[in-house]
N, C-alpha and C. Protein backbone atom coordinates (compact mmCIF):
# COMPACT_ATOMS: atom_id res chain seq x y z
N MET A 1 50.84 -89.24 153.60
CA MET A 1 50.69 -88.20 152.60
C MET A 1 51.79 -88.31 151.54
N LYS A 2 53.03 -88.63 152.00
CA LYS A 2 54.14 -88.79 151.06
C LYS A 2 53.85 -89.90 150.06
N HIS A 3 53.29 -91.00 150.58
CA HIS A 3 53.01 -92.15 149.72
C HIS A 3 51.94 -91.82 148.69
N LEU A 4 50.94 -91.08 149.09
CA LEU A 4 49.88 -90.69 148.17
C LEU A 4 50.43 -89.80 147.07
N LEU A 5 51.27 -88.85 147.45
CA LEU A 5 51.88 -87.96 146.47
C LEU A 5 52.76 -88.74 145.50
N SER A 6 53.53 -89.68 146.03
CA SER A 6 54.39 -90.51 145.18
C SER A 6 53.56 -91.34 144.21
N LEU A 7 52.47 -91.89 144.70
CA LEU A 7 51.59 -92.70 143.86
C LEU A 7 50.97 -91.86 142.75
N LEU A 8 50.51 -90.67 143.09
CA LEU A 8 49.93 -89.78 142.09
C LEU A 8 50.96 -89.37 141.05
N LEU A 9 52.15 -89.10 141.49
CA LEU A 9 53.22 -88.72 140.57
C LEU A 9 53.55 -89.87 139.62
N ALA A 10 53.61 -91.08 140.15
CA ALA A 10 53.90 -92.25 139.32
C ALA A 10 52.77 -92.48 138.31
N ALA A 11 51.54 -92.35 138.75
CA ALA A 11 50.39 -92.54 137.85
C ALA A 11 50.41 -91.50 136.74
N THR A 12 50.71 -90.27 137.08
CA THR A 12 50.78 -89.20 136.09
C THR A 12 51.87 -89.48 135.07
N SER A 13 53.00 -89.98 135.54
CA SER A 13 54.10 -90.31 134.63
C SER A 13 53.71 -91.41 133.67
N LEU A 14 52.99 -92.42 134.15
CA LEU A 14 52.55 -93.52 133.29
C LEU A 14 51.56 -93.03 132.24
N VAL A 15 50.66 -92.16 132.63
CA VAL A 15 49.68 -91.62 131.68
C VAL A 15 50.40 -90.80 130.62
N ALA A 16 51.35 -89.98 131.03
CA ALA A 16 52.11 -89.18 130.06
C ALA A 16 52.88 -90.08 129.11
N TYR A 17 53.47 -91.17 129.63
CA TYR A 17 54.20 -92.10 128.78
C TYR A 17 53.26 -92.77 127.78
N ALA A 18 52.09 -93.19 128.24
CA ALA A 18 51.14 -93.86 127.36
C ALA A 18 50.70 -92.95 126.23
N LYS A 19 50.55 -91.66 126.52
CA LYS A 19 50.11 -90.72 125.50
C LYS A 19 51.18 -90.50 124.44
N GLU A 20 52.45 -90.60 124.83
CA GLU A 20 53.53 -90.29 123.91
C GLU A 20 54.18 -91.51 123.29
N ASP A 21 53.85 -92.70 123.75
CA ASP A 21 54.45 -93.91 123.23
C ASP A 21 53.88 -94.19 121.84
N PRO A 22 54.70 -94.15 120.80
CA PRO A 22 54.22 -94.37 119.43
C PRO A 22 53.56 -95.74 119.23
N ALA A 23 54.08 -96.76 119.86
CA ALA A 23 53.49 -98.10 119.71
C ALA A 23 52.09 -98.15 120.32
N HIS A 24 51.93 -97.52 121.48
CA HIS A 24 50.61 -97.47 122.12
C HIS A 24 49.64 -96.67 121.25
N ARG A 25 50.10 -95.56 120.74
CA ARG A 25 49.26 -94.71 119.88
C ARG A 25 48.80 -95.48 118.65
N LYS A 26 49.73 -96.20 118.01
CA LYS A 26 49.36 -96.99 116.82
C LYS A 26 48.37 -98.08 117.18
N ALA A 27 48.57 -98.72 118.32
CA ALA A 27 47.64 -99.77 118.75
C ALA A 27 46.24 -99.20 118.97
N MET A 28 46.15 -98.02 119.55
CA MET A 28 44.84 -97.39 119.78
C MET A 28 44.18 -97.02 118.46
N ILE A 29 44.96 -96.50 117.53
CA ILE A 29 44.44 -96.15 116.21
C ILE A 29 43.90 -97.40 115.52
N ASP A 30 44.68 -98.47 115.55
CA ASP A 30 44.27 -99.73 114.91
C ASP A 30 43.00 -100.28 115.56
N GLN A 31 42.93 -100.18 116.90
CA GLN A 31 41.74 -100.68 117.60
C GLN A 31 40.50 -99.88 117.20
N HIS A 32 40.62 -98.56 117.15
CA HIS A 32 39.48 -97.73 116.76
C HIS A 32 39.05 -98.02 115.32
N LYS A 33 40.01 -98.25 114.45
CA LYS A 33 39.67 -98.59 113.06
C LYS A 33 38.93 -99.92 113.00
N ALA A 34 39.35 -100.89 113.79
CA ALA A 34 38.69 -102.20 113.80
C ALA A 34 37.27 -102.08 114.34
N ILE A 35 37.09 -101.28 115.38
CA ILE A 35 35.74 -101.06 115.93
C ILE A 35 34.86 -100.38 114.90
N ALA A 36 35.42 -99.37 114.23
CA ALA A 36 34.66 -98.65 113.19
C ALA A 36 34.27 -99.59 112.05
N ALA A 37 35.18 -100.46 111.66
CA ALA A 37 34.90 -101.42 110.58
C ALA A 37 33.78 -102.38 111.00
N ALA A 38 33.80 -102.82 112.25
CA ALA A 38 32.76 -103.73 112.73
C ALA A 38 31.40 -103.03 112.71
N HIS A 39 31.36 -101.76 113.11
CA HIS A 39 30.10 -101.03 113.10
C HIS A 39 29.64 -100.69 111.68
N GLU A 40 30.58 -100.42 110.80
CA GLU A 40 30.22 -100.17 109.40
C GLU A 40 29.61 -101.43 108.78
N ALA A 41 30.18 -102.59 109.10
CA ALA A 41 29.63 -103.85 108.59
C ALA A 41 28.21 -104.07 109.14
N ALA A 42 27.99 -103.70 110.41
CA ALA A 42 26.65 -103.85 110.99
C ALA A 42 25.66 -102.91 110.29
N ALA A 43 26.09 -101.70 109.98
CA ALA A 43 25.23 -100.76 109.27
C ALA A 43 24.89 -101.28 107.87
N GLN A 44 25.87 -101.84 107.20
CA GLN A 44 25.64 -102.40 105.87
C GLN A 44 24.71 -103.60 105.94
N CYS A 45 24.84 -104.38 106.99
CA CYS A 45 23.97 -105.53 107.21
C CYS A 45 22.52 -105.08 107.31
N LEU A 46 22.30 -104.06 108.13
CA LEU A 46 20.94 -103.53 108.30
C LEU A 46 20.43 -102.90 107.00
N ALA A 47 21.32 -102.17 106.32
CA ALA A 47 20.93 -101.53 105.05
C ALA A 47 20.57 -102.57 103.99
N ALA A 48 21.14 -103.75 104.10
CA ALA A 48 20.86 -104.83 103.15
C ALA A 48 19.51 -105.49 103.42
N GLY A 49 18.85 -105.05 104.51
CA GLY A 49 17.52 -105.57 104.80
C GLY A 49 17.49 -106.74 105.77
N LYS A 50 18.66 -107.09 106.31
CA LYS A 50 18.68 -108.17 107.29
C LYS A 50 18.08 -107.66 108.60
N ASP A 51 17.56 -108.57 109.41
CA ASP A 51 16.94 -108.16 110.67
C ASP A 51 18.00 -107.77 111.70
N GLU A 52 17.58 -106.96 112.65
CA GLU A 52 18.49 -106.44 113.67
C GLU A 52 19.16 -107.55 114.48
N GLU A 53 18.43 -108.59 114.78
CA GLU A 53 18.99 -109.70 115.56
C GLU A 53 20.18 -110.34 114.84
N THR A 54 20.03 -110.55 113.55
CA THR A 54 21.11 -111.13 112.75
C THR A 54 22.32 -110.21 112.70
N CYS A 55 22.07 -108.93 112.45
CA CYS A 55 23.17 -107.96 112.34
C CYS A 55 23.88 -107.77 113.67
N HIS A 56 23.12 -107.77 114.77
CA HIS A 56 23.75 -107.65 116.08
C HIS A 56 24.56 -108.90 116.41
N ALA A 57 24.11 -110.05 115.98
CA ALA A 57 24.86 -111.28 116.21
C ALA A 57 26.20 -111.23 115.46
N GLU A 58 26.17 -110.74 114.23
CA GLU A 58 27.40 -110.60 113.45
C GLU A 58 28.33 -109.56 114.09
N LEU A 59 27.75 -108.47 114.59
CA LEU A 59 28.54 -107.44 115.26
C LEU A 59 29.17 -107.99 116.54
N ALA A 60 28.40 -108.75 117.29
CA ALA A 60 28.93 -109.34 118.53
C ALA A 60 30.10 -110.26 118.23
N LYS A 61 30.01 -111.01 117.15
CA LYS A 61 31.10 -111.92 116.76
C LYS A 61 32.34 -111.11 116.36
N ALA A 62 32.14 -110.02 115.62
CA ALA A 62 33.25 -109.19 115.18
C ALA A 62 33.91 -108.45 116.35
N CYS A 63 33.13 -108.16 117.38
CA CYS A 63 33.63 -107.38 118.52
C CYS A 63 34.26 -108.23 119.61
N LYS A 64 34.11 -109.53 119.53
CA LYS A 64 34.62 -110.40 120.60
C LYS A 64 36.12 -110.17 120.78
N GLY A 65 36.50 -109.77 121.99
CA GLY A 65 37.89 -109.52 122.31
C GLY A 65 38.43 -108.19 121.81
N LEU A 66 37.59 -107.40 121.16
CA LEU A 66 38.04 -106.14 120.56
C LEU A 66 37.82 -104.95 121.49
N ALA A 67 36.67 -104.92 122.14
CA ALA A 67 36.33 -103.78 122.99
C ALA A 67 35.39 -104.23 124.10
N ILE A 68 35.04 -103.30 124.96
CA ILE A 68 34.17 -103.60 126.09
C ILE A 68 32.74 -103.77 125.60
N GLY A 69 32.07 -104.79 126.07
CA GLY A 69 30.68 -105.03 125.70
C GLY A 69 30.59 -105.87 124.45
N LYS A 70 29.47 -106.55 124.32
CA LYS A 70 29.36 -107.47 123.19
C LYS A 70 29.16 -106.77 121.86
N LEU A 71 28.84 -105.47 121.89
CA LEU A 71 28.68 -104.71 120.65
C LEU A 71 29.73 -103.61 120.55
N CYS A 72 30.92 -103.90 120.98
CA CYS A 72 32.05 -102.96 120.97
C CYS A 72 31.79 -101.72 121.80
N GLY A 73 31.07 -101.87 122.87
CA GLY A 73 30.86 -100.77 123.78
C GLY A 73 29.89 -99.71 123.32
N ALA A 74 29.23 -99.91 122.21
CA ALA A 74 28.31 -98.91 121.70
C ALA A 74 26.92 -99.14 122.26
N LYS A 75 26.34 -98.10 122.76
CA LYS A 75 24.97 -98.17 123.25
C LYS A 75 24.19 -97.02 122.64
N HIS A 76 23.01 -97.32 122.19
CA HIS A 76 22.16 -96.25 121.69
C HIS A 76 20.72 -96.65 121.93
N LYS A 77 19.85 -95.70 121.89
CA LYS A 77 18.45 -96.00 122.18
C LYS A 77 17.73 -96.40 120.90
N HIS A 78 16.68 -97.15 121.08
CA HIS A 78 15.83 -97.56 119.95
C HIS A 78 14.44 -97.06 120.19
């Protein structure tokens, strides 16, 4: 029980640190901006009349290594 409590306390401390660390906060802001830019480019691609397959391929390329999933983690129904 002591070990579980210690582990929970340590995890809570790490989460609190991550929330308050300015470098982490800036990195998250930059990541969200990059994801938003990739999705905005995909929307513009579709608005330009290109087919969905082409626009999704461009989005997948822009999202590689940026977020979870090949389309930056975004899922929606069609």
